Every structure is written in structure tokens, then in C-alpha cells.
Amino acid sequence: MGHRAPRIIVAITLLLIVWQWESILAIDFIDIADCSCYSLHQNPKSWQDSNKICQENGGTLVSMETEEEYQFITKTIQSLDVGKNEWFIGLRRISRTDYWKWISGHDMTIDKWRATRTSGTGDCVKMIKHYKGRGLFDDVTCDPRYKYTFICEYKQAQKCSNITSTIIEKRCFSKRKQVTTKENTMTRGYIEDTAFRMGYVSNLFN
């Protein structure tokens, strides 16, 4: 009887170690409602000044992270009769590569480039209104001398109440959020069998 307690303690210690070894990180996704509002500004600005104006009002240049959001934005600009055909958006080239990222931090997951880009070497992006009935992306130099109208996005829809732009749209989208959880792949039977085979205890759970 005097030797049983140390054996049980060793068994528990062993199980804790094995349990830790078998733990994995599981990545899952959940759908969330992401409500934004958008202001469309008709006074042409450089990409930098456009984003600065958006930031001063609590937003950034628009990031179209889903097909649904892209369809909403392109239909909105197609419906406008304001004589503006090109709009700065929040997409940038990363470090002179062909890797593009939204200003929100999300990767570009929708491919809406026009077949022949105007520049091919620009690091900023504009959205063209009249292109076969839909808006497509076109890279453009970030040189401050190049100015276009622009679209801001505010992640909380109520923020648009303070915006002076005459064109404001609000919309909620279903977006996927990545969730990382720690899961254990071992079964109770496997734990019992491991302890039994190593001679620490006959049946830990009885």
C-alpha cells in the first residue's frame, strides 16, 4: 500500500506529459455579420490624401474582402450619375512584388483586375466604373500628382452620421472570421492503455 501512491503520482504525471504532446492547434472559421458604411467622395485626391481623409473620419479606403462586398460597391458606382469613372480603393502592392493586400490587413482574395492594366508597375489601385458594365481594378502609381475620386469604409455603420459626403451607403455582409482553438486528439482508452502498458496503474479511471 505504501508503494501505490508514488506509482499513481507518476502515472498522473505521465498522462499530463503525454496529453500535452498530443495537443494540437485547430483552425476553424465562423461567419459573422460585418456592418459597414461607405462614403463616396467626388473631389479628386491623391491616394495618400484620400486615405487620410477617411482616417480623419474614423475609417480607411474601402477594403472589398468578399465577392458580396465587391458586387455591392461596383453596383453602387455603376448607379451613380456623377461623371466620375475612377475611384481610389484601399488595395496596395507589398514591397514591389506581385502580392497585394487590403489596407484592412486582409489578403486580396477576389481577382477583379482588368485584362490589361494601365501601368502594370503601380503600387496603388483604382476601381474603374465603366468597364463592360462593371467595375474592375487597375493599378496606378502612388505619385501624389495622380488624383482620383475615392471610396471610404467605416467598420461601424453608425460612424457615417458624421460624414459630410453627399453619397453614403450602408450595408451588412457575412464575413468569415478565423478562430484558433487548442484541441486534444487522444481518447480516454488510449490514455488508459498507455498507463497500463507502462506498468504504472491497472486502470486509472476505475
Protein backbone atom coordinates (compact mmCIF):
# COMPACT_ATOMS: atom_id res chain seq x y z
CA MET A 1 0.00 0.00 0.00
CA GLY A 2 2.87 2.28 0.76
CA HIS A 3 4.19 1.97 -2.79
CA ARG A 4 0.87 2.59 -4.56
CA ALA A 5 0.67 6.37 -4.02
CA PRO A 6 4.00 7.16 -5.73
CA ARG A 7 3.01 4.93 -8.68
CA ILE A 8 -0.28 6.82 -9.09
CA ILE A 9 1.52 10.16 -8.89
CA VAL A 10 3.97 9.03 -11.58
CA ALA A 11 1.06 7.81 -13.71
CA ILE A 12 -0.73 11.14 -13.46
CA THR A 13 2.48 12.99 -14.29
CA LEU A 14 3.00 10.75 -17.32
CA LEU A 15 -0.53 11.33 -18.55
CA LEU A 16 -0.18 15.09 -18.23
CA ILE A 17 3.01 14.98 -20.30
CA VAL A 18 1.52 12.73 -22.98
CA TRP A 19 -1.66 14.84 -23.04
CA GLN A 20 0.42 17.93 -23.68
CA TRP A 21 2.32 16.23 -26.50
CA GLU A 22 -0.90 15.24 -28.22
CA SER A 23 -2.46 18.70 -28.09
CA ILE A 24 -2.87 20.47 -31.44
CA LEU A 25 -3.97 23.87 -32.63
CA ALA A 26 -7.19 23.66 -34.60
CA ILE A 27 -8.15 26.43 -37.01
CA ASP A 28 -11.83 26.96 -37.61
CA PHE A 29 -13.95 29.65 -39.23
CA ILE A 30 -17.19 31.29 -38.14
CA ASP A 31 -19.47 33.55 -40.14
CA ILE A 32 -20.10 36.96 -38.59
CA ALA A 33 -22.21 39.90 -39.64
CA ASP A 34 -19.89 42.77 -40.51
CA CYS A 35 -21.75 46.06 -40.91
CA SER A 36 -20.03 48.94 -42.67
CA CYS A 37 -20.96 52.22 -44.22
CA TYR A 38 -19.29 53.80 -47.21
CA SER A 39 -18.81 57.39 -48.29
CA LEU A 40 -18.02 58.20 -51.92
CA HIS A 41 -16.06 61.42 -52.32
CA GLN A 42 -16.21 63.27 -55.64
CA ASN A 43 -13.37 65.73 -55.02
CA PRO A 44 -10.25 64.06 -56.53
CA LYS A 45 -7.33 63.48 -54.17
CA SER A 46 -4.08 61.52 -54.18
CA TRP A 47 -4.17 58.01 -52.71
CA GLN A 48 -2.40 59.23 -49.57
CA ASP A 49 -4.69 62.23 -49.08
CA SER A 50 -7.75 60.10 -49.82
CA ASN A 51 -6.87 57.63 -47.09
CA LYS A 52 -6.02 60.47 -44.71
CA ILE A 53 -9.49 61.95 -45.17
CA CYS A 54 -11.02 58.54 -44.50
CA GLN A 55 -8.91 58.14 -41.35
CA GLU A 56 -9.87 61.58 -40.05
CA ASN A 57 -13.47 60.37 -40.04
CA GLY A 58 -12.65 57.03 -38.38
CA GLY A 59 -12.29 54.84 -41.48
CA THR A 60 -9.95 53.89 -44.31
CA LEU A 61 -10.14 53.50 -48.05
CA VAL A 62 -12.53 50.66 -48.82
CA SER A 63 -11.38 47.04 -48.48
CA MET A 64 -13.50 44.63 -50.53
CA GLU A 65 -12.82 41.39 -48.71
CA THR A 66 -15.64 39.27 -50.16
CA GLU A 67 -17.38 38.81 -53.51
CA GLU A 68 -20.60 40.09 -51.94
CA GLU A 69 -18.96 43.32 -50.83
CA TYR A 70 -17.33 43.79 -54.23
CA GLN A 71 -20.67 43.33 -56.00
CA PHE A 72 -22.27 45.89 -53.71
CA ILE A 73 -19.56 48.50 -54.35
CA THR A 74 -19.46 48.01 -58.12
CA LYS A 75 -23.25 48.21 -58.41
CA THR A 76 -23.21 51.37 -56.31
CA ILE A 77 -20.72 53.21 -58.51
CA GLN A 78 -22.44 51.98 -61.68
CA SER A 79 -25.70 53.52 -60.46
CA LEU A 80 -24.15 56.94 -59.86
CA ASP A 81 -24.56 59.71 -62.40
CA VAL A 82 -21.80 61.99 -61.16
CA GLY A 83 -19.40 61.96 -64.11
CA LYS A 84 -16.73 60.17 -62.08
CA ASN A 85 -15.32 56.98 -63.56
CA GLU A 86 -12.28 56.09 -61.46
CA TRP A 87 -12.17 55.67 -57.68
CA PHE A 88 -9.24 55.02 -55.34
CA ILE A 89 -9.68 51.93 -53.14
CA GLY A 90 -7.67 50.52 -50.23
CA LEU A 91 -5.56 47.98 -52.11
CA ARG A 92 -1.76 48.24 -52.16
CA ARG A 93 1.15 46.30 -53.60
CA ILE A 94 3.53 44.90 -50.97
CA SER A 95 7.27 45.58 -51.38
CA ARG A 96 7.44 45.73 -55.16
CA THR A 97 6.20 42.15 -55.55
CA ASP A 98 3.01 40.94 -57.20
CA TYR A 99 1.46 40.43 -53.77
CA TRP A 100 -1.45 42.73 -52.94
CA LYS A 101 -3.06 43.42 -49.59
CA TRP A 102 -6.07 45.40 -48.44
CA ILE A 103 -5.45 48.31 -46.13
CA SER A 104 -7.58 46.48 -43.54
CA GLY A 105 -4.80 43.87 -43.32
CA HIS A 106 -6.67 41.15 -45.24
CA ASP A 107 -5.19 39.41 -48.24
CA MET A 108 -6.73 40.03 -51.64
CA THR A 109 -8.97 37.01 -52.22
CA ILE A 110 -11.05 38.29 -55.16
CA ASP A 111 -9.44 38.73 -58.56
CA LYS A 112 -11.04 41.69 -60.31
CA TRP A 113 -8.13 43.03 -62.33
CA ARG A 114 -8.83 44.37 -65.79
CA ALA A 115 -7.25 42.27 -68.55
CA THR A 116 -4.68 44.93 -69.47
CA ARG A 117 -3.56 47.16 -66.64
CA THR A 118 -2.74 50.79 -67.36
CA SER A 119 0.56 50.75 -65.52
CA GLY A 120 1.48 47.21 -64.56
CA THR A 121 4.01 48.62 -62.11
CA GLY A 122 1.83 50.85 -59.93
CA ASP A 123 1.55 50.21 -56.20
CA CYS A 124 -1.86 51.81 -55.65
CA VAL A 125 -5.21 50.73 -57.10
CA LYS A 126 -8.22 52.47 -58.57
CA MET A 127 -11.58 50.97 -59.45
CA ILE A 128 -12.84 51.74 -62.95
CA LYS A 129 -16.56 52.38 -63.25
CA HIS A 130 -17.23 51.82 -66.94
CA TYR A 131 -15.64 48.57 -67.93
CA LYS A 132 -18.09 46.22 -69.66
CA GLY A 133 -20.79 47.19 -67.22
CA ARG A 134 -18.84 46.52 -64.06
CA GLY A 135 -16.02 47.96 -62.02
CA LEU A 136 -12.58 46.42 -62.34
CA PHE A 137 -9.29 47.09 -60.56
CA ASP A 138 -6.42 48.87 -62.25
CA ASP A 139 -3.02 49.56 -60.72
CA VAL A 140 -1.78 53.13 -60.75
CA THR A 141 1.24 54.99 -59.47
CA CYS A 142 1.03 56.30 -55.91
CA ASP A 143 2.59 59.58 -57.05
CA PRO A 144 0.65 62.38 -55.27
CA ARG A 145 0.23 64.16 -58.59
CA TYR A 146 -2.26 61.49 -59.67
CA LYS A 147 -5.66 62.26 -58.20
CA TYR A 148 -8.96 60.40 -58.34
CA THR A 149 -12.25 60.31 -56.52
CA PHE A 150 -12.29 57.77 -53.69
CA ILE A 151 -14.38 55.47 -51.51
CA CYS A 152 -14.08 55.31 -47.71
CA GLU A 153 -15.26 52.46 -45.50
CA TYR A 154 -16.23 52.69 -41.83
CA LYS A 155 -16.47 49.39 -39.97
CA GLN A 156 -19.20 50.66 -37.67
CA ALA A 157 -22.18 51.76 -39.72
CA GLN A 158 -23.23 54.47 -37.27
CA LYS A 159 -20.00 56.39 -37.97
CA CYS A 160 -21.45 57.65 -41.23
CA SER A 161 -23.73 60.01 -39.32
CA ASN A 162 -20.80 62.44 -39.03
CA ILE A 163 -19.63 62.23 -42.66
CA THR A 164 -20.19 65.23 -44.93
CA SER A 165 -20.06 63.28 -48.21
CA THR A 166 -23.27 63.54 -50.22
CA ILE A 167 -23.13 59.86 -51.24
CA ILE A 168 -23.38 57.43 -48.35
CA GLU A 169 -24.31 53.75 -48.43
CA LYS A 170 -24.74 51.27 -45.58
CA ARG A 171 -24.63 47.50 -45.79
CA CYS A 172 -24.00 44.40 -43.68
CA PHE A 173 -22.07 41.44 -45.06
CA SER A 174 -21.37 37.95 -43.80
CA LYS A 175 -17.64 37.61 -43.37
CA ARG A 176 -15.56 34.66 -42.25
CA LYS A 177 -13.50 35.08 -39.09
CA GLN A 178 -10.65 32.71 -38.36
CA VAL A 179 -10.71 31.17 -34.90
CA THR A 180 -7.81 29.19 -33.43
CA THR A 181 -8.56 26.73 -30.64
CA LYS A 182 -6.48 24.13 -28.80
CA GLU A 183 -7.85 20.64 -29.16
CA ASN A 184 -6.75 17.21 -27.90
CA THR A 185 -6.79 14.21 -30.20
CA MET A 186 -6.28 11.48 -27.57
CA THR A 187 -9.10 9.24 -26.37
CA ARG A 188 -9.66 8.04 -22.84
CA GLY A 189 -8.98 4.46 -23.95
CA TYR A 190 -5.62 5.45 -25.38
CA ILE A 191 -4.62 7.15 -22.13
CA GLU A 192 -5.61 4.11 -20.05
CA ASP A 193 -3.79 1.75 -22.39
CA THR A 194 -0.61 3.84 -22.29
CA ALA A 195 -0.54 3.90 -18.49
CA PHE A 196 -1.33 0.17 -18.22
CA ARG A 197 1.36 -0.91 -20.69
CA MET A 198 3.98 1.12 -18.83
CA GLY A 199 3.01 -0.58 -15.56
CA TYR A 200 2.04 2.50 -13.59
CA VAL A 201 -1.56 1.63 -12.78
CA SER A 202 -4.06 -1.11 -13.68
CA ASN A 203 -6.96 1.22 -14.54
CA LEU A 204 -6.60 4.90 -13.78
CA PHE A 205 -10.27 5.74 -14.28
CA ASN A 206 -11.79 3.00 -12.06
